[in-house]
Every structure is written in structure tokens, then in C-alpha cells.
Amino acid sequence: MRMRSIGFTTRLILRTALVLAATPIWCSGLSSVLSAAQATNAAAATYVTTAEIDAALKQMPPTSTTYDKPIKTVDTGAYKVTIVILRRVPGKTTDSALLHDRVTEVYQILTGAGMFETGGQLMDGKPVDLTSEAAGPSVRGTIQGGESRRMGPGDVVVIPPGLPHRFSKLEGTITYMVTRIEAPRP
């Protein structure tokens, strides 16, 4: 399944991630940056191509209802930024909610639509380690008193650490890019 619009979407997600990741650094060191010469050890840019996204999506097991595949991670030493592709297929069970201890997520819907629920209280929480998906220590449970909003292609949501979230209803299969920004350990 080729999705030509992903090239533009990938660029948009990467730009969003860079802005979110760079804002605290830029604000805290603006005067130093203005007077400093360009660093000789600056990290190279990291790219995610449409071919890499397509290849990751082809790895989804045919019987799976949720596929969460990290594509690339950039470790700056101060924080980690991971680009992830997700696909969800409606199943017979309701998706549980998650909250992440140190990870901010930026979702952008590529295809499909659904109701996305955030906030409220996470009930019956059980710890889960989502390090292999670049989401770190997390808690899975149910949301009580959250706010639901329909999300479709092109829509973006920023989910800070500690905020319960989930897709409460899918209108068919949904594919979305996630930028996961992991804060340093305290």
C-alpha cells in the first residue's frame, strides 16, 4: 500500500518534533547562542523516508489489531526523539488507556479516523514497560471523565507526560505517525 502523502507528512512531523524539542533549549540559551560560533560537533540531521515507513508498515502481522513500530531514534544526550508508525485495526475489545511517565507524544493522523479521548483520571492502573516502543515506563488502565474528540487525516495532538489517552472508537483502520520525545531521567 503506497501512501504518497506520507513524504509531506513525515516532513511536517519532523519539523513539529524539532520545534517542540528545540524550544526549551532555544529559550534557555538564547543569549549564548547569539554570541557563540557554530559548534563543530553539531549532530547531523536524521531523515525518515517514505520507503522506510512503507517497509515498517509491511512488517505488521496480518492478525494484529495494533502495530507500534519505532523507525528511528535520535539521542541528543539531553533527550531522545523517536519517530514511530502506528496502525490500529478495530477489534472486539476496547483499547485501554495509557499514560507515560517521561514521554511527550505528538500524533498526526495519516489515514482513517476515530474518537480520541484524553484527560480525566486513569483508573485501575497497572505499570507497563513500553521501552521497546520508545514510550518508556507507562501505566495502562481506563479513563474516567476524559474528553473525546474526533481525529482524522492531517489532525495533530500533543500529549504531555502523565496525561491519560486512548482511541475510544475507530472508524475503520487508522494509521498515524507519532513523535515520542523522552525527557531525561530525574
N, C-alpha and C. Protein backbone atom coordinates (compact mmCIF):
# COMPACT_ATOMS: atom_id res chain seq x y z
N MET A 1 0.84 -1.17 0.00
CA MET A 1 0.00 0.00 0.00
C MET A 1 0.89 1.24 0.00
N ARG A 2 0.93 1.99 -1.07
CA ARG A 2 1.73 3.21 -1.18
C ARG A 2 0.91 4.39 -0.70
N MET A 3 1.52 5.25 0.08
CA MET A 3 0.87 6.47 0.54
C MET A 3 1.77 7.64 0.18
N ARG A 4 1.55 8.24 -0.96
CA ARG A 4 2.40 9.33 -1.44
C ARG A 4 2.39 10.53 -0.52
N SER A 5 1.30 10.76 0.20
CA SER A 5 1.22 11.94 1.06
C SER A 5 2.10 11.81 2.30
N ILE A 6 2.66 10.64 2.56
CA ILE A 6 3.48 10.47 3.76
C ILE A 6 4.75 11.28 3.68
N GLY A 7 5.31 11.51 2.49
CA GLY A 7 6.53 12.32 2.38
C GLY A 7 6.32 13.69 3.00
N PHE A 8 5.24 14.35 2.64
CA PHE A 8 4.92 15.65 3.21
C PHE A 8 4.64 15.51 4.69
N THR A 9 3.88 14.50 5.07
CA THR A 9 3.53 14.28 6.46
C THR A 9 4.77 14.03 7.30
N THR A 10 5.69 13.24 6.78
CA THR A 10 6.92 12.96 7.51
C THR A 10 7.68 14.24 7.76
N ARG A 11 7.79 15.09 6.74
CA ARG A 11 8.47 16.37 6.92
C ARG A 11 7.77 17.22 7.98
N LEU A 12 6.44 17.23 7.96
CA LEU A 12 5.67 18.01 8.93
C LEU A 12 5.89 17.50 10.34
N ILE A 13 5.85 16.19 10.53
CA ILE A 13 6.07 15.59 11.85
C ILE A 13 7.47 15.89 12.35
N LEU A 14 8.47 15.73 11.47
CA LEU A 14 9.85 16.00 11.88
C LEU A 14 10.03 17.47 12.26
N ARG A 15 9.43 18.37 11.49
CA ARG A 15 9.51 19.79 11.84
C ARG A 15 8.84 20.06 13.19
N THR A 16 7.67 19.45 13.42
CA THR A 16 6.96 19.62 14.68
C THR A 16 7.82 19.12 15.84
N ALA A 17 8.42 17.94 15.66
CA ALA A 17 9.27 17.36 16.72
C ALA A 17 10.46 18.26 17.00
N LEU A 18 11.08 18.78 15.95
CA LEU A 18 12.24 19.65 16.15
C LEU A 18 11.86 20.93 16.87
N VAL A 19 10.72 21.51 16.51
CA VAL A 19 10.28 22.73 17.18
C VAL A 19 10.01 22.45 18.66
N LEU A 20 9.27 21.36 18.93
CA LEU A 20 8.96 21.02 20.33
C LEU A 20 10.23 20.72 21.12
N ALA A 21 11.16 19.99 20.51
CA ALA A 21 12.38 19.61 21.21
C ALA A 21 13.32 20.80 21.39
N ALA A 22 13.36 21.69 20.42
CA ALA A 22 14.33 22.78 20.45
C ALA A 22 13.87 23.99 21.26
N THR A 23 12.57 24.15 21.45
CA THR A 23 12.06 25.35 22.12
C THR A 23 12.67 25.58 23.49
N PRO A 24 12.69 24.57 24.41
CA PRO A 24 13.28 24.83 25.73
C PRO A 24 14.76 25.18 25.65
N ILE A 25 15.47 24.52 24.75
CA ILE A 25 16.91 24.77 24.60
C ILE A 25 17.12 26.19 24.08
N TRP A 26 16.36 26.58 23.07
CA TRP A 26 16.49 27.89 22.46
C TRP A 26 16.17 28.98 23.48
N CYS A 27 15.06 28.79 24.21
CA CYS A 27 14.66 29.82 25.17
C CYS A 27 15.65 29.97 26.31
N SER A 28 16.22 28.85 26.78
CA SER A 28 17.11 28.94 27.93
C SER A 28 18.50 29.45 27.57
N GLY A 29 18.89 29.34 26.33
CA GLY A 29 20.24 29.74 25.99
C GLY A 29 20.33 30.72 24.85
N LEU A 30 19.32 31.54 24.66
CA LEU A 30 19.29 32.45 23.53
C LEU A 30 20.49 33.39 23.50
N SER A 31 20.86 33.99 24.62
CA SER A 31 21.97 34.94 24.61
C SER A 31 23.29 34.23 24.28
N SER A 32 23.47 33.00 24.78
CA SER A 32 24.69 32.25 24.47
C SER A 32 24.75 31.88 23.01
N VAL A 33 23.62 31.50 22.46
CA VAL A 33 23.58 31.08 21.06
C VAL A 33 23.89 32.27 20.15
N LEU A 34 23.39 33.44 20.49
CA LEU A 34 23.60 34.60 19.64
C LEU A 34 25.08 35.00 19.57
N SER A 35 25.82 34.77 20.63
CA SER A 35 27.22 35.18 20.64
C SER A 35 28.19 34.04 20.34
N ALA A 36 27.71 32.82 20.27
CA ALA A 36 28.59 31.67 20.06
C ALA A 36 28.79 31.39 18.58
N ALA A 37 29.96 30.87 18.26
CA ALA A 37 30.23 30.42 16.89
C ALA A 37 29.55 29.08 16.69
N GLN A 38 29.34 28.70 15.44
CA GLN A 38 28.71 27.42 15.15
C GLN A 38 29.54 26.29 15.75
N ALA A 39 28.84 25.35 16.41
CA ALA A 39 29.53 24.22 17.04
C ALA A 39 30.14 23.33 15.97
N THR A 40 31.35 22.86 16.24
CA THR A 40 31.99 21.97 15.28
C THR A 40 31.54 20.53 15.44
N ASN A 41 30.91 20.20 16.56
CA ASN A 41 30.46 18.83 16.78
C ASN A 41 28.94 18.70 16.70
N ALA A 42 28.27 19.59 15.97
CA ALA A 42 26.81 19.54 15.85
C ALA A 42 26.39 18.22 15.21
N ALA A 43 25.31 17.65 15.73
CA ALA A 43 24.80 16.38 15.21
C ALA A 43 24.24 16.58 13.81
N ALA A 44 24.32 15.52 13.02
CA ALA A 44 23.75 15.54 11.67
C ALA A 44 22.24 15.40 11.76
N ALA A 45 21.56 15.85 10.74
CA ALA A 45 20.11 15.68 10.65
C ALA A 45 19.78 14.20 10.46
N THR A 46 18.62 13.81 10.92
CA THR A 46 18.14 12.45 10.75
C THR A 46 16.88 12.50 9.90
N TYR A 47 16.83 11.65 8.89
CA TYR A 47 15.70 11.63 7.96
C TYR A 47 14.95 10.31 8.08
N VAL A 48 13.64 10.37 7.88
CA VAL A 48 12.80 9.18 7.77
C VAL A 48 12.15 9.27 6.39
N THR A 49 12.37 8.25 5.57
CA THR A 49 11.86 8.29 4.20
C THR A 49 10.52 7.55 4.09
N THR A 50 9.82 7.85 3.01
CA THR A 50 8.57 7.15 2.72
C THR A 50 8.83 5.65 2.58
N ALA A 51 9.94 5.29 1.96
CA ALA A 51 10.28 3.86 1.80
C ALA A 51 10.44 3.18 3.17
N GLU A 52 11.04 3.86 4.13
CA GLU A 52 11.20 3.28 5.47
C GLU A 52 9.84 3.11 6.16
N ILE A 53 8.96 4.08 5.97
CA ILE A 53 7.62 3.99 6.56
C ILE A 53 6.85 2.83 5.93
N ASP A 54 6.89 2.74 4.60
CA ASP A 54 6.21 1.65 3.90
C ASP A 54 6.75 0.30 4.33
N ALA A 55 8.07 0.18 4.45
CA ALA A 55 8.68 -1.08 4.87
C ALA A 55 8.24 -1.46 6.28
N ALA A 56 8.17 -0.48 7.17
CA ALA A 56 7.73 -0.76 8.55
C ALA A 56 6.28 -1.24 8.57
N LEU A 57 5.42 -0.60 7.77
CA LEU A 57 4.01 -1.00 7.75
C LEU A 57 3.83 -2.40 7.17
N LYS A 58 4.68 -2.79 6.25
CA LYS A 58 4.59 -4.14 5.65
C LYS A 58 4.95 -5.23 6.67
N GLN A 59 5.63 -4.86 7.76
CA GLN A 59 6.00 -5.83 8.79
C GLN A 59 4.86 -6.13 9.77
N MET A 60 3.75 -5.42 9.67
CA MET A 60 2.63 -5.64 10.59
C MET A 60 2.09 -7.04 10.40
N PRO A 61 2.03 -7.82 11.48
CA PRO A 61 1.46 -9.17 11.39
C PRO A 61 -0.01 -9.09 10.94
N PRO A 62 -0.43 -9.97 10.05
CA PRO A 62 -1.79 -9.89 9.49
C PRO A 62 -2.91 -10.06 10.53
N THR A 63 -2.64 -10.71 11.64
CA THR A 63 -3.70 -10.93 12.64
C THR A 63 -3.66 -9.90 13.77
N SER A 64 -2.72 -8.98 13.73
CA SER A 64 -2.56 -7.99 14.80
C SER A 64 -3.58 -6.86 14.64
N THR A 65 -4.11 -6.38 15.78
CA THR A 65 -5.01 -5.23 15.74
C THR A 65 -4.30 -3.93 16.08
N THR A 66 -3.10 -4.02 16.68
CA THR A 66 -2.31 -2.83 17.00
C THR A 66 -0.87 -3.09 16.60
N TYR A 67 -0.31 -2.13 15.86
CA TYR A 67 1.07 -2.23 15.41
C TYR A 67 1.76 -0.92 15.76
N ASP A 68 2.83 -0.98 16.55
CA ASP A 68 3.53 0.18 17.07
C ASP A 68 5.01 -0.02 16.75
N LYS A 69 5.51 0.61 15.69
CA LYS A 69 6.86 0.32 15.19
C LYS A 69 7.74 1.57 15.20
N PRO A 70 8.70 1.65 16.14
CA PRO A 70 9.68 2.73 16.08
C PRO A 70 10.53 2.59 14.81
N ILE A 71 10.74 3.71 14.13
CA ILE A 71 11.52 3.68 12.89
C ILE A 71 12.94 4.19 13.14
N LYS A 72 13.05 5.37 13.76
CA LYS A 72 14.38 5.93 14.06
C LYS A 72 14.34 6.70 15.36
N THR A 73 15.47 6.64 16.08
CA THR A 73 15.63 7.39 17.32
C THR A 73 16.87 8.25 17.23
N VAL A 74 16.75 9.48 17.68
CA VAL A 74 17.87 10.40 17.78
C VAL A 74 18.10 10.64 19.28
N ASP A 75 19.29 10.29 19.75
CA ASP A 75 19.64 10.51 21.16
C ASP A 75 20.60 11.68 21.21
N THR A 76 20.12 12.82 21.73
CA THR A 76 20.94 14.02 21.79
C THR A 76 21.79 14.08 23.05
N GLY A 77 21.57 13.12 23.95
CA GLY A 77 22.23 13.15 25.24
C GLY A 77 21.35 13.81 26.28
N ALA A 78 20.61 14.84 25.89
CA ALA A 78 19.70 15.52 26.81
C ALA A 78 18.31 14.89 26.76
N TYR A 79 17.92 14.37 25.62
CA TYR A 79 16.61 13.75 25.43
C TYR A 79 16.69 12.86 24.20
N LYS A 80 15.67 12.02 24.03
CA LYS A 80 15.57 11.15 22.86
C LYS A 80 14.32 11.50 22.08
N VAL A 81 14.44 11.52 20.76
CA VAL A 81 13.30 11.74 19.88
C VAL A 81 13.18 10.51 18.99
N THR A 82 12.01 9.88 19.00
CA THR A 82 11.79 8.68 18.19
C THR A 82 10.60 8.91 17.27
N ILE A 83 10.78 8.56 16.00
CA ILE A 83 9.70 8.60 15.02
C ILE A 83 9.13 7.19 14.94
N VAL A 84 7.80 7.08 15.10
CA VAL A 84 7.11 5.80 15.19
C VAL A 84 5.95 5.80 14.21
N ILE A 85 5.66 4.64 13.61
CA ILE A 85 4.46 4.48 12.79
C ILE A 85 3.53 3.54 13.55
N LEU A 86 2.26 3.88 13.62
CA LEU A 86 1.27 3.04 14.27
C LEU A 86 0.11 2.78 13.33
N ARG A 87 -0.41 1.57 13.44
CA ARG A 87 -1.64 1.22 12.72
C ARG A 87 -2.52 0.45 13.69
N ARG A 88 -3.79 0.81 13.71
CA ARG A 88 -4.77 0.11 14.56
C ARG A 88 -5.92 -0.34 13.68
N VAL A 89 -6.34 -1.56 13.93
CA VAL A 89 -7.47 -2.16 13.24
C VAL A 89 -8.54 -2.40 14.30
N PRO A 90 -9.79 -2.01 14.05
CA PRO A 90 -10.82 -2.23 15.06
C PRO A 90 -10.86 -3.70 15.48
N GLY A 91 -10.93 -3.93 16.78
CA GLY A 91 -11.00 -5.28 17.32
C GLY A 91 -12.26 -5.45 18.15
N LYS A 92 -12.35 -6.59 18.79
CA LYS A 92 -13.53 -6.90 19.59
C LYS A 92 -13.42 -6.33 21.01
N THR A 93 -12.20 -5.96 21.42
CA THR A 93 -12.02 -5.42 22.77
C THR A 93 -11.76 -3.92 22.70
N THR A 94 -12.11 -3.23 23.75
CA THR A 94 -11.89 -1.79 23.85
C THR A 94 -10.43 -1.53 24.17
N ASP A 95 -9.85 -0.51 23.50
CA ASP A 95 -8.47 -0.13 23.81
C ASP A 95 -8.39 0.41 25.22
N SER A 96 -7.35 -0.01 25.95
CA SER A 96 -7.12 0.56 27.27
C SER A 96 -6.41 1.90 27.10
N ALA A 97 -6.44 2.68 28.15
CA ALA A 97 -5.77 3.99 28.13
C ALA A 97 -4.34 3.83 28.62
N LEU A 98 -3.50 4.77 28.24
CA LEU A 98 -2.11 4.81 28.68
C LEU A 98 -1.79 6.20 29.20
N LEU A 99 -0.80 6.25 30.07
CA LEU A 99 -0.11 7.50 30.35
C LEU A 99 1.36 7.14 30.47
N HIS A 100 2.22 8.04 30.02
CA HIS A 100 3.65 7.80 30.00
C HIS A 100 4.32 8.71 31.03
N ASP A 101 5.30 8.16 31.75
CA ASP A 101 5.97 8.90 32.82
C ASP A 101 6.80 10.07 32.31
N ARG A 102 7.62 9.84 31.26
CA ARG A 102 8.58 10.86 30.81
C ARG A 102 8.50 11.18 29.32
N VAL A 103 7.49 10.67 28.63
CA VAL A 103 7.45 10.81 27.18
C VAL A 103 6.30 11.72 26.75
N THR A 104 6.63 12.73 25.96
CA THR A 104 5.63 13.55 25.27
C THR A 104 5.42 12.90 23.91
N GLU A 105 4.16 12.78 23.49
CA GLU A 105 3.86 12.21 22.17
C GLU A 105 3.17 13.26 21.31
N VAL A 106 3.52 13.27 20.02
CA VAL A 106 2.86 14.10 19.03
C VAL A 106 2.30 13.15 17.99
N TYR A 107 0.96 13.04 17.93
CA TYR A 107 0.29 12.17 16.95
C TYR A 107 -0.10 13.00 15.74
N GLN A 108 0.08 12.43 14.54
CA GLN A 108 -0.51 13.00 13.34
C GLN A 108 -1.17 11.88 12.57
N ILE A 109 -2.47 12.03 12.35
CA ILE A 109 -3.25 11.01 11.65
C ILE A 109 -2.91 11.07 10.16
N LEU A 110 -2.56 9.91 9.60
CA LEU A 110 -2.26 9.82 8.16
C LEU A 110 -3.47 9.34 7.38
N THR A 111 -4.06 8.22 7.82
CA THR A 111 -5.26 7.68 7.17
C THR A 111 -6.22 7.19 8.24
N GLY A 112 -7.50 7.24 7.94
CA GLY A 112 -8.52 6.76 8.87
C GLY A 112 -8.91 7.83 9.86
N ALA A 113 -9.83 7.47 10.75
CA ALA A 113 -10.34 8.43 11.74
C ALA A 113 -10.86 7.67 12.96
N GLY A 114 -11.05 8.41 14.03
CA GLY A 114 -11.60 7.81 15.25
C GLY A 114 -11.76 8.85 16.33
N MET A 115 -12.36 8.41 17.42
CA MET A 115 -12.56 9.26 18.59
C MET A 115 -11.37 9.07 19.52
N PHE A 116 -10.72 10.20 19.88
CA PHE A 116 -9.54 10.17 20.73
C PHE A 116 -9.92 10.80 22.06
N GLU A 117 -9.64 10.08 23.14
CA GLU A 117 -10.00 10.52 24.48
C GLU A 117 -8.75 10.86 25.27
N THR A 118 -8.77 12.02 25.95
CA THR A 118 -7.63 12.45 26.77
C THR A 118 -8.14 13.00 28.10
N GLY A 119 -7.23 13.03 29.06
CA GLY A 119 -7.53 13.67 30.34
C GLY A 119 -8.32 12.78 31.27
N GLY A 120 -8.96 13.40 32.23
CA GLY A 120 -9.70 12.66 33.25
C GLY A 120 -8.75 11.95 34.19
N GLN A 121 -9.25 10.92 34.84
CA GLN A 121 -8.48 10.12 35.78
C GLN A 121 -8.21 8.75 35.18
N LEU A 122 -6.99 8.25 35.35
CA LEU A 122 -6.67 6.90 34.95
C LEU A 122 -7.03 5.98 36.11
N MET A 123 -7.92 5.04 35.87
CA MET A 123 -8.41 4.13 36.91
C MET A 123 -7.83 2.73 36.69
N ASP A 124 -7.71 1.98 37.78
CA ASP A 124 -7.24 0.59 37.72
C ASP A 124 -5.91 0.49 36.99
N GLY A 125 -5.02 1.44 37.22
CA GLY A 125 -3.74 1.49 36.52
C GLY A 125 -2.79 0.36 36.90
N LYS A 126 -2.13 -0.16 35.88
CA LYS A 126 -1.11 -1.19 36.07
C LYS A 126 0.14 -0.77 35.31
N PRO A 127 1.30 -0.79 35.98
CA PRO A 127 2.54 -0.39 35.30
C PRO A 127 2.84 -1.30 34.10
N VAL A 128 3.36 -0.70 33.06
CA VAL A 128 3.78 -1.44 31.86
C VAL A 128 5.04 -0.76 31.33
N ASP A 129 6.01 -1.57 30.95
CA ASP A 129 7.27 -1.03 30.40
C ASP A 129 7.17 -1.01 28.88
N LEU A 130 7.09 0.18 28.31
CA LEU A 130 6.98 0.33 26.85
C LEU A 130 8.28 0.86 26.26
N THR A 131 9.40 0.54 26.90
CA THR A 131 10.70 0.99 26.42
C THR A 131 10.98 0.50 25.01
N SER A 132 10.58 -0.71 24.68
CA SER A 132 10.83 -1.25 23.33
C SER A 132 10.08 -0.47 22.25
N GLU A 133 9.03 0.26 22.63
CA GLU A 133 8.30 1.12 21.69
C GLU A 133 8.68 2.59 21.86
N ALA A 134 9.72 2.86 22.65
CA ALA A 134 10.22 4.22 22.90
C ALA A 134 9.23 5.08 23.69
N ALA A 135 8.33 4.43 24.45
CA ALA A 135 7.38 5.16 25.28
C ALA A 135 7.73 5.06 26.77
N GLY A 136 8.76 4.29 27.10
CA GLY A 136 9.27 4.22 28.47
C GLY A 136 8.29 3.68 29.48
N PRO A 137 8.60 3.89 30.77
CA PRO A 137 7.70 3.44 31.83
C PRO A 137 6.33 4.12 31.67
N SER A 138 5.28 3.31 31.73
CA SER A 138 3.93 3.81 31.48
C SER A 138 2.96 3.11 32.42
N VAL A 139 1.72 3.57 32.39
CA VAL A 139 0.66 2.94 33.17
C VAL A 139 -0.52 2.73 32.22
N ARG A 140 -1.12 1.52 32.29
CA ARG A 140 -2.27 1.17 31.46
C ARG A 140 -3.49 1.02 32.36
N GLY A 141 -4.63 1.56 31.92
CA GLY A 141 -5.85 1.46 32.72
C GLY A 141 -7.05 1.93 31.92
N THR A 142 -8.05 2.46 32.63
CA THR A 142 -9.24 3.00 31.98
C THR A 142 -9.36 4.48 32.35
N ILE A 143 -9.99 5.24 31.46
CA ILE A 143 -10.18 6.67 31.71
C ILE A 143 -11.57 6.92 32.27
N GLN A 144 -11.62 7.73 33.30
CA GLN A 144 -12.89 8.19 33.84
C GLN A 144 -12.90 9.71 33.75
N GLY A 145 -13.92 10.26 33.06
CA GLY A 145 -14.06 11.71 32.98
C GLY A 145 -13.18 12.39 31.95
N GLY A 146 -12.74 11.66 30.94
CA GLY A 146 -11.91 12.25 29.89
C GLY A 146 -12.74 13.02 28.87
N GLU A 147 -12.04 13.69 27.97
CA GLU A 147 -12.67 14.47 26.89
C GLU A 147 -12.40 13.75 25.57
N SER A 148 -13.46 13.54 24.76
CA SER A 148 -13.32 12.86 23.47
C SER A 148 -13.41 13.86 22.33
N ARG A 149 -12.61 13.57 21.30
CA ARG A 149 -12.59 14.43 20.13
C ARG A 149 -12.32 13.57 18.90
N ARG A 150 -13.01 13.84 17.81
CA ARG A 150 -12.78 13.10 16.57
C ARG A 150 -11.51 13.60 15.92
N MET A 151 -10.67 12.64 15.49
CA MET A 151 -9.44 12.98 14.77
C MET A 151 -9.46 12.26 13.43
N GLY A 152 -9.01 12.96 12.39
CA GLY A 152 -8.94 12.39 11.05
C GLY A 152 -7.66 12.82 10.36
N PRO A 153 -7.50 12.46 9.09
CA PRO A 153 -6.26 12.72 8.35
C PRO A 153 -5.79 14.18 8.47
N GLY A 154 -4.52 14.34 8.84
CA GLY A 154 -3.92 15.65 8.98
C GLY A 154 -4.01 16.24 10.38
N ASP A 155 -4.92 15.72 11.22
CA ASP A 155 -5.07 16.24 12.57
C ASP A 155 -3.86 15.85 13.42
N VAL A 156 -3.50 16.75 14.35
CA VAL A 156 -2.34 16.56 15.22
C VAL A 156 -2.77 16.81 16.66
N VAL A 157 -2.24 15.99 17.58
CA VAL A 157 -2.47 16.21 19.01
C VAL A 157 -1.13 16.03 19.73
N VAL A 158 -0.87 16.89 20.72
CA VAL A 158 0.32 16.79 21.56
C VAL A 158 -0.13 16.28 22.93
N ILE A 159 0.49 15.18 23.37
CA ILE A 159 0.10 14.53 24.62
C ILE A 159 1.28 14.61 25.59
N PRO A 160 1.21 15.46 26.61
CA PRO A 160 2.32 15.59 27.56
C PRO A 160 2.41 14.36 28.48
N PRO A 161 3.57 14.17 29.12
CA PRO A 161 3.71 13.07 30.07
C PRO A 161 2.64 13.15 31.15
N GLY A 162 2.15 11.98 31.59
CA GLY A 162 1.18 11.94 32.67
C GLY A 162 -0.26 12.14 32.26
N LEU A 163 -0.54 12.37 30.97
CA LEU A 163 -1.91 12.61 30.50
C LEU A 163 -2.50 11.29 29.97
N PRO A 164 -3.57 10.78 30.60
CA PRO A 164 -4.21 9.57 30.07
C PRO A 164 -4.75 9.82 28.66
N HIS A 165 -4.61 8.80 27.79
CA HIS A 165 -5.08 8.95 26.41
C HIS A 165 -5.37 7.59 25.79
N ARG A 166 -6.27 7.60 24.78
CA ARG A 166 -6.60 6.38 24.05
C ARG A 166 -7.52 6.71 22.88
N PHE A 167 -7.58 5.80 21.91
CA PHE A 167 -8.63 5.85 20.89
C PHE A 167 -9.80 5.08 21.47
N SER A 168 -10.92 5.76 21.71
CA SER A 168 -12.08 5.11 22.30
C SER A 168 -12.95 4.44 21.23
N LYS A 169 -12.83 4.90 19.98
CA LYS A 169 -13.59 4.31 18.89
C LYS A 169 -12.85 4.56 17.58
N LEU A 170 -12.73 3.53 16.77
CA LEU A 170 -12.12 3.66 15.45
C LEU A 170 -13.19 3.56 14.38
N GLU A 171 -13.06 4.37 13.34
CA GLU A 171 -13.97 4.32 12.19
C GLU A 171 -13.29 3.52 11.08
N GLY A 172 -12.85 2.33 11.39
CA GLY A 172 -12.06 1.52 10.46
C GLY A 172 -10.60 1.58 10.84
N THR A 173 -9.74 1.09 9.96
CA THR A 173 -8.30 1.09 10.22
C THR A 173 -7.76 2.51 10.23
N ILE A 174 -6.85 2.78 11.16
CA ILE A 174 -6.25 4.11 11.28
C ILE A 174 -4.72 3.95 11.31
N THR A 175 -4.04 4.82 10.58
CA THR A 175 -2.57 4.84 10.55
C THR A 175 -2.13 6.24 10.96
N TYR A 176 -1.14 6.30 11.86
CA TYR A 176 -0.68 7.60 12.31
C TYR A 176 0.80 7.55 12.68
N MET A 177 1.45 8.71 12.50
CA MET A 177 2.85 8.89 12.88
C MET A 177 2.86 9.47 14.30
N VAL A 178 3.83 9.00 15.08
CA VAL A 178 3.98 9.53 16.43
C VAL A 178 5.44 9.95 16.60
N THR A 179 5.64 11.14 17.12
CA THR A 179 6.96 11.59 17.55
C THR A 179 6.97 11.47 19.06
N ARG A 180 7.88 10.65 19.59
CA ARG A 180 7.99 10.44 21.03
C ARG A 180 9.25 11.14 21.52
N ILE A 181 9.07 12.08 22.44
CA ILE A 181 10.18 12.85 22.97
C ILE A 181 10.32 12.46 24.44
N GLU A 182 11.42 11.78 24.74
CA GLU A 182 11.66 11.28 26.11
C GLU A 182 12.54 12.25 26.88
N ALA A 183 11.99 12.72 27.99
CA ALA A 183 12.73 13.62 28.87
C ALA A 183 13.80 12.82 29.61
N PRO A 184 14.85 13.49 30.07
CA PRO A 184 15.88 12.76 30.83
C PRO A 184 15.32 12.24 32.15
N ARG A 185 15.98 11.22 32.67
CA ARG A 185 15.59 10.68 33.97
C ARG A 185 15.94 11.71 35.03
N PRO A 186 15.06 11.83 36.04
CA PRO A 186 15.34 12.81 37.12
C PRO A 186 16.57 12.43 37.91
